[in-house]
């Protein structure tokens, strides 16, 4: 068998321990930063596709207007983008902002 010199081995062990501690601290921060970037990219993609999130629901913006007329509202809900609320059309065509509607009866 041979003899080995272990001078400086403690310094190497200390350096690896410091490196491991730095890694343990840095990895969660890097993962969170990456997740934040991914979430923001997904939001941008959804907005580009005309989708928005309101109250836990994802809704498509049609950008269409119903025009003038009399419409039957079968359900009313509060939601972002309408101070009076949103009315679901009986026809099934979607929802309209009640900010721009007048109740007849």
N, C-alpha and C. Protein backbone atom coordinates (compact mmCIF):
# COMPACT_ATOMS: atom_id res chain seq x y z
N UNK A 1 0.83 -1.17 0.00
CA UNK A 1 0.00 0.00 0.00
C UNK A 1 0.88 1.24 0.00
N UNK A 2 0.27 2.33 -0.44
CA UNK A 2 1.00 3.58 -0.48
C UNK A 2 0.52 4.55 0.59
N UNK A 3 1.28 5.59 0.76
CA UNK A 3 0.90 6.63 1.70
C UNK A 3 0.36 7.82 0.91
N UNK A 4 -0.63 8.47 1.49
CA UNK A 4 -1.25 9.62 0.82
C UNK A 4 -1.15 10.84 1.71
N UNK A 5 -0.92 11.95 1.10
CA UNK A 5 -0.87 13.21 1.82
C UNK A 5 -2.25 13.84 1.76
N UNK A 6 -2.84 14.12 2.89
CA UNK A 6 -4.20 14.69 2.94
C UNK A 6 -4.19 16.17 3.32
N UNK A 7 -3.06 16.81 3.18
CA UNK A 7 -2.97 18.23 3.51
C UNK A 7 -3.85 18.99 2.53
N UNK A 8 -4.72 19.84 3.05
CA UNK A 8 -5.62 20.64 2.22
C UNK A 8 -6.97 19.96 1.97
N UNK A 9 -7.12 18.71 2.39
CA UNK A 9 -8.38 18.01 2.18
C UNK A 9 -9.54 18.71 2.90
N UNK A 10 -9.28 19.23 4.09
CA UNK A 10 -10.34 19.93 4.84
C UNK A 10 -10.80 21.19 4.08
N UNK A 11 -9.84 21.87 3.42
CA UNK A 11 -10.19 23.06 2.64
C UNK A 11 -11.11 22.69 1.47
N UNK A 12 -10.82 21.56 0.85
CA UNK A 12 -11.66 21.10 -0.27
C UNK A 12 -13.05 20.74 0.23
N UNK A 13 -13.12 20.05 1.36
CA UNK A 13 -14.42 19.68 1.93
C UNK A 13 -15.22 20.94 2.28
N UNK A 14 -14.55 21.95 2.87
CA UNK A 14 -15.22 23.21 3.20
C UNK A 14 -15.73 23.92 1.94
N UNK A 15 -14.91 23.92 0.89
CA UNK A 15 -15.31 24.58 -0.36
C UNK A 15 -16.54 23.89 -0.96
N UNK A 16 -16.56 22.56 -0.95
CA UNK A 16 -17.73 21.83 -1.47
C UNK A 16 -18.96 22.09 -0.61
N UNK A 17 -18.77 22.18 0.70
CA UNK A 17 -19.90 22.46 1.60
C UNK A 17 -20.48 23.84 1.33
N UNK A 18 -19.62 24.83 1.12
CA UNK A 18 -20.10 26.19 0.81
C UNK A 18 -20.83 26.20 -0.53
N UNK A 19 -20.29 25.48 -1.49
CA UNK A 19 -20.91 25.42 -2.82
C UNK A 19 -22.28 24.75 -2.73
N UNK A 20 -22.38 23.68 -1.95
CA UNK A 20 -23.65 22.99 -1.78
C UNK A 20 -24.67 23.89 -1.10
N UNK A 21 -24.25 24.63 -0.07
CA UNK A 21 -25.16 25.55 0.63
C UNK A 21 -25.66 26.64 -0.31
N UNK A 22 -24.77 27.17 -1.14
CA UNK A 22 -25.17 28.20 -2.10
C UNK A 22 -26.15 27.64 -3.11
N UNK A 23 -25.93 26.41 -3.54
CA UNK A 23 -26.84 25.77 -4.49
C UNK A 23 -28.21 25.54 -3.87
N UNK A 24 -28.23 25.05 -2.65
CA UNK A 24 -29.50 24.79 -1.96
C UNK A 24 -30.30 26.08 -1.81
N UNK A 25 -29.61 27.19 -1.60
CA UNK A 25 -30.28 28.48 -1.47
C UNK A 25 -30.73 29.03 -2.83
N UNK A 26 -29.93 28.85 -3.86
CA UNK A 26 -30.21 29.46 -5.16
C UNK A 26 -31.26 28.73 -5.99
N UNK A 27 -31.30 27.41 -5.91
CA UNK A 27 -32.19 26.64 -6.79
C UNK A 27 -33.66 27.01 -6.63
N UNK A 28 -34.22 27.10 -5.41
CA UNK A 28 -35.63 27.50 -5.31
C UNK A 28 -35.91 28.87 -5.90
N UNK A 29 -34.96 29.81 -5.75
CA UNK A 29 -35.14 31.15 -6.33
C UNK A 29 -35.16 31.07 -7.85
N UNK A 30 -34.27 30.26 -8.42
CA UNK A 30 -34.22 30.11 -9.87
C UNK A 30 -35.50 29.45 -10.40
N UNK A 31 -36.01 28.45 -9.68
CA UNK A 31 -37.24 27.78 -10.11
C UNK A 31 -38.42 28.73 -10.07
N UNK A 32 -38.52 29.55 -9.02
CA UNK A 32 -39.62 30.51 -8.91
C UNK A 32 -39.53 31.54 -10.03
N UNK A 33 -38.31 32.04 -10.29
CA UNK A 33 -38.14 33.02 -11.36
C UNK A 33 -38.56 32.42 -12.71
N UNK A 34 -38.17 31.17 -12.96
CA UNK A 34 -38.55 30.51 -14.20
C UNK A 34 -40.05 30.31 -14.30
N UNK A 35 -40.69 29.96 -13.19
CA UNK A 35 -42.14 29.77 -13.18
C UNK A 35 -42.85 31.09 -13.44
N UNK A 36 -42.35 32.18 -12.85
CA UNK A 36 -42.95 33.50 -13.06
C UNK A 36 -42.87 33.91 -14.53
N UNK A 37 -41.74 33.63 -15.16
CA UNK A 37 -41.58 33.94 -16.59
C UNK A 37 -42.57 33.12 -17.42
N UNK A 38 -42.72 31.84 -17.09
CA UNK A 38 -43.64 30.97 -17.82
C UNK A 38 -45.09 31.45 -17.66
N UNK A 39 -45.47 31.80 -16.44
CA UNK A 39 -46.84 32.27 -16.19
C UNK A 39 -47.11 33.55 -16.98
N UNK A 40 -46.17 34.48 -16.97
CA UNK A 40 -46.35 35.73 -17.71
C UNK A 40 -46.44 35.47 -19.21
N UNK A 41 -45.65 34.54 -19.72
CA UNK A 41 -45.71 34.20 -21.14
C UNK A 41 -47.07 33.60 -21.50
N UNK A 42 -47.60 32.76 -20.61
CA UNK A 42 -48.91 32.16 -20.85
C UNK A 42 -50.01 33.22 -20.82
N UNK A 43 -49.90 34.18 -19.90
CA UNK A 43 -50.89 35.27 -19.86
C UNK A 43 -50.85 36.09 -21.14
N UNK A 44 -49.64 36.41 -21.60
CA UNK A 44 -49.50 37.19 -22.83
C UNK A 44 -50.08 36.43 -24.02
N UNK A 45 -49.83 35.13 -24.07
CA UNK A 45 -50.38 34.30 -25.15
C UNK A 45 -51.90 34.28 -25.11
N UNK A 46 -52.47 34.14 -23.91
CA UNK A 46 -53.92 34.12 -23.77
C UNK A 46 -54.53 35.45 -24.19
N UNK A 47 -53.90 36.56 -23.80
CA UNK A 47 -54.40 37.86 -24.20
C UNK A 47 -54.33 38.03 -25.71
N UNK A 48 -53.26 37.55 -26.31
CA UNK A 48 -53.12 37.64 -27.77
C UNK A 48 -54.21 36.83 -28.47
N UNK A 49 -54.68 35.78 -27.81
CA UNK A 49 -55.74 34.94 -28.38
C UNK A 49 -57.13 35.48 -28.05
N UNK A 50 -57.19 36.60 -27.30
CA UNK A 50 -58.48 37.19 -26.97
C UNK A 50 -59.15 36.54 -25.77
N UNK A 51 -58.36 35.93 -24.89
CA UNK A 51 -58.91 35.29 -23.70
C UNK A 51 -58.54 36.13 -22.48
N UNK A 52 -59.45 36.18 -21.51
CA UNK A 52 -59.11 36.85 -20.26
C UNK A 52 -59.67 36.04 -19.11
N UNK A 53 -59.13 36.26 -17.94
CA UNK A 53 -59.56 35.54 -16.75
C UNK A 53 -60.32 36.49 -15.85
N UNK A 54 -61.54 36.11 -15.48
CA UNK A 54 -62.34 36.93 -14.58
C UNK A 54 -62.94 36.03 -13.53
N UNK A 55 -62.58 36.24 -12.31
CA UNK A 55 -63.17 35.49 -11.20
C UNK A 55 -62.96 33.99 -11.31
N UNK A 56 -61.84 33.55 -11.84
CA UNK A 56 -61.57 32.12 -11.93
C UNK A 56 -62.10 31.49 -13.20
N UNK A 57 -62.78 32.25 -14.03
CA UNK A 57 -63.29 31.72 -15.29
C UNK A 57 -62.48 32.31 -16.43
N UNK A 58 -62.29 31.54 -17.47
CA UNK A 58 -61.61 32.05 -18.66
C UNK A 58 -62.68 32.31 -19.70
N UNK A 59 -62.71 33.53 -20.20
CA UNK A 59 -63.74 33.94 -21.14
C UNK A 59 -63.09 34.42 -22.43
N UNK A 60 -63.74 34.14 -23.53
CA UNK A 60 -63.27 34.65 -24.81
C UNK A 60 -63.93 35.99 -25.06
N UNK A 61 -63.14 36.95 -25.53
CA UNK A 61 -63.69 38.24 -25.91
C UNK A 61 -64.09 38.15 -27.37
N UNK A 62 -65.35 38.35 -27.65
CA UNK A 62 -65.77 38.26 -29.05
C UNK A 62 -65.63 39.60 -29.74
N UNK A 63 -65.78 40.68 -28.97
CA UNK A 63 -65.70 42.00 -29.58
C UNK A 63 -66.93 42.32 -30.40
N UNK A 64 -67.92 41.46 -30.35
CA UNK A 64 -69.13 41.68 -31.12
C UNK A 64 -70.16 42.41 -30.28
N UNK A 65 -71.05 43.12 -30.94
CA UNK A 65 -72.15 43.78 -30.23
C UNK A 65 -73.44 43.11 -30.63
N UNK A 66 -74.38 43.14 -29.71
CA UNK A 66 -75.67 42.53 -30.01
C UNK A 66 -76.53 43.45 -30.85
N UNK A 67 -76.19 44.72 -30.89
CA UNK A 67 -77.00 45.67 -31.62
C UNK A 67 -78.18 46.10 -30.76
N UNK A 68 -79.03 46.93 -31.32
CA UNK A 68 -80.20 47.40 -30.59
C UNK A 68 -81.30 46.37 -30.68
N UNK A 69 -82.13 46.30 -29.67
CA UNK A 69 -83.23 45.36 -29.67
C UNK A 69 -83.64 45.01 -28.26
N UNK A 70 -84.55 44.06 -28.16
CA UNK A 70 -85.02 43.57 -26.87
C UNK A 70 -84.47 42.16 -26.71
N UNK A 71 -83.82 41.92 -25.59
CA UNK A 71 -83.16 40.64 -25.34
C UNK A 71 -83.64 40.10 -24.00
N UNK A 72 -83.75 38.80 -23.90
CA UNK A 72 -84.14 38.15 -22.65
C UNK A 72 -82.89 37.70 -21.92
N UNK A 73 -82.78 38.19 -20.67
CA UNK A 73 -81.66 37.83 -19.82
C UNK A 73 -82.14 36.74 -18.88
N UNK A 74 -81.44 35.61 -18.85
CA UNK A 74 -81.87 34.48 -18.02
C UNK A 74 -81.04 34.33 -16.75
N UNK A 75 -79.93 35.04 -16.67
CA UNK A 75 -79.07 34.94 -15.49
C UNK A 75 -78.24 36.22 -15.40
N UNK A 76 -78.02 36.69 -14.19
CA UNK A 76 -77.21 37.88 -13.95
C UNK A 76 -76.11 37.52 -12.97
N UNK A 77 -74.89 37.95 -13.29
CA UNK A 77 -73.75 37.71 -12.40
C UNK A 77 -72.88 38.96 -12.35
N UNK A 78 -72.26 39.18 -11.20
CA UNK A 78 -71.28 40.25 -11.08
C UNK A 78 -69.99 39.77 -11.71
N UNK A 79 -69.20 40.70 -12.20
CA UNK A 79 -67.93 40.31 -12.78
C UNK A 79 -67.13 41.50 -13.25
N UNK A 80 -65.86 41.27 -13.45
CA UNK A 80 -64.94 42.31 -13.89
C UNK A 80 -65.36 42.83 -15.26
N UNK A 81 -65.31 44.15 -15.42
CA UNK A 81 -65.63 44.75 -16.71
C UNK A 81 -67.05 45.26 -16.83
N UNK A 82 -67.87 45.02 -15.83
CA UNK A 82 -69.25 45.52 -15.85
C UNK A 82 -69.64 45.91 -14.43
N UNK A 83 -69.94 47.18 -14.22
CA UNK A 83 -70.27 47.62 -12.85
C UNK A 83 -71.66 47.17 -12.43
N UNK A 84 -72.60 47.08 -13.36
CA UNK A 84 -73.96 46.63 -13.04
C UNK A 84 -74.02 45.11 -13.00
N UNK A 85 -73.25 44.45 -13.84
CA UNK A 85 -73.23 43.00 -13.91
C UNK A 85 -73.28 42.52 -15.34
N UNK A 86 -73.28 41.21 -15.48
CA UNK A 86 -73.34 40.57 -16.79
C UNK A 86 -74.63 39.78 -16.89
N UNK A 87 -75.28 39.87 -18.03
CA UNK A 87 -76.52 39.14 -18.27
C UNK A 87 -76.32 38.08 -19.33
N UNK A 88 -76.73 36.84 -19.02
CA UNK A 88 -76.61 35.74 -20.01
C UNK A 88 -77.84 35.78 -20.90
N UNK A 89 -77.62 35.80 -22.19
CA UNK A 89 -78.71 35.88 -23.17
C UNK A 89 -79.42 34.54 -23.30
N UNK A 90 -80.73 34.59 -23.36
CA UNK A 90 -81.54 33.39 -23.52
C UNK A 90 -81.21 32.67 -24.82
N UNK A 91 -80.84 33.43 -25.84
CA UNK A 91 -80.53 32.84 -27.14
C UNK A 91 -79.30 31.93 -27.12
N UNK A 92 -78.51 32.05 -26.06
CA UNK A 92 -77.28 31.26 -25.98
C UNK A 92 -76.11 31.94 -26.66
N UNK A 93 -76.30 33.17 -27.12
CA UNK A 93 -75.24 33.90 -27.82
C UNK A 93 -74.13 34.37 -26.89
N UNK A 94 -74.33 34.26 -25.59
CA UNK A 94 -73.28 34.68 -24.65
C UNK A 94 -73.80 35.61 -23.58
N UNK A 95 -72.92 36.48 -23.14
CA UNK A 95 -73.22 37.41 -22.05
C UNK A 95 -73.08 38.83 -22.57
N UNK A 96 -73.89 39.74 -21.99
CA UNK A 96 -73.74 41.16 -22.32
C UNK A 96 -73.57 41.95 -21.04
N UNK A 97 -72.87 43.05 -21.16
CA UNK A 97 -72.70 43.95 -20.02
C UNK A 97 -74.02 44.67 -19.79
N UNK A 98 -74.51 44.57 -18.58
CA UNK A 98 -75.76 45.25 -18.25
C UNK A 98 -75.57 46.75 -18.03
N UNK A 99 -74.31 47.21 -18.13
CA UNK A 99 -74.03 48.65 -18.06
C UNK A 99 -74.70 49.36 -19.25
N UNK A 100 -74.93 48.62 -20.32
CA UNK A 100 -75.47 49.21 -21.55
C UNK A 100 -76.88 48.74 -21.86
N UNK A 101 -77.56 48.24 -20.85
CA UNK A 101 -78.92 47.71 -21.05
C UNK A 101 -79.86 48.38 -20.06
N UNK A 102 -81.13 48.44 -20.44
CA UNK A 102 -82.16 48.98 -19.56
C UNK A 102 -83.21 47.91 -19.36
N UNK A 103 -83.58 47.70 -18.11
CA UNK A 103 -84.60 46.69 -17.81
C UNK A 103 -85.99 47.24 -18.19
N UNK A 104 -86.76 46.44 -18.92
CA UNK A 104 -88.09 46.88 -19.37
C UNK A 104 -89.17 46.50 -18.36
N UNK A 105 -89.06 45.36 -17.75
CA UNK A 105 -90.14 44.94 -16.84
C UNK A 105 -89.58 44.53 -15.51
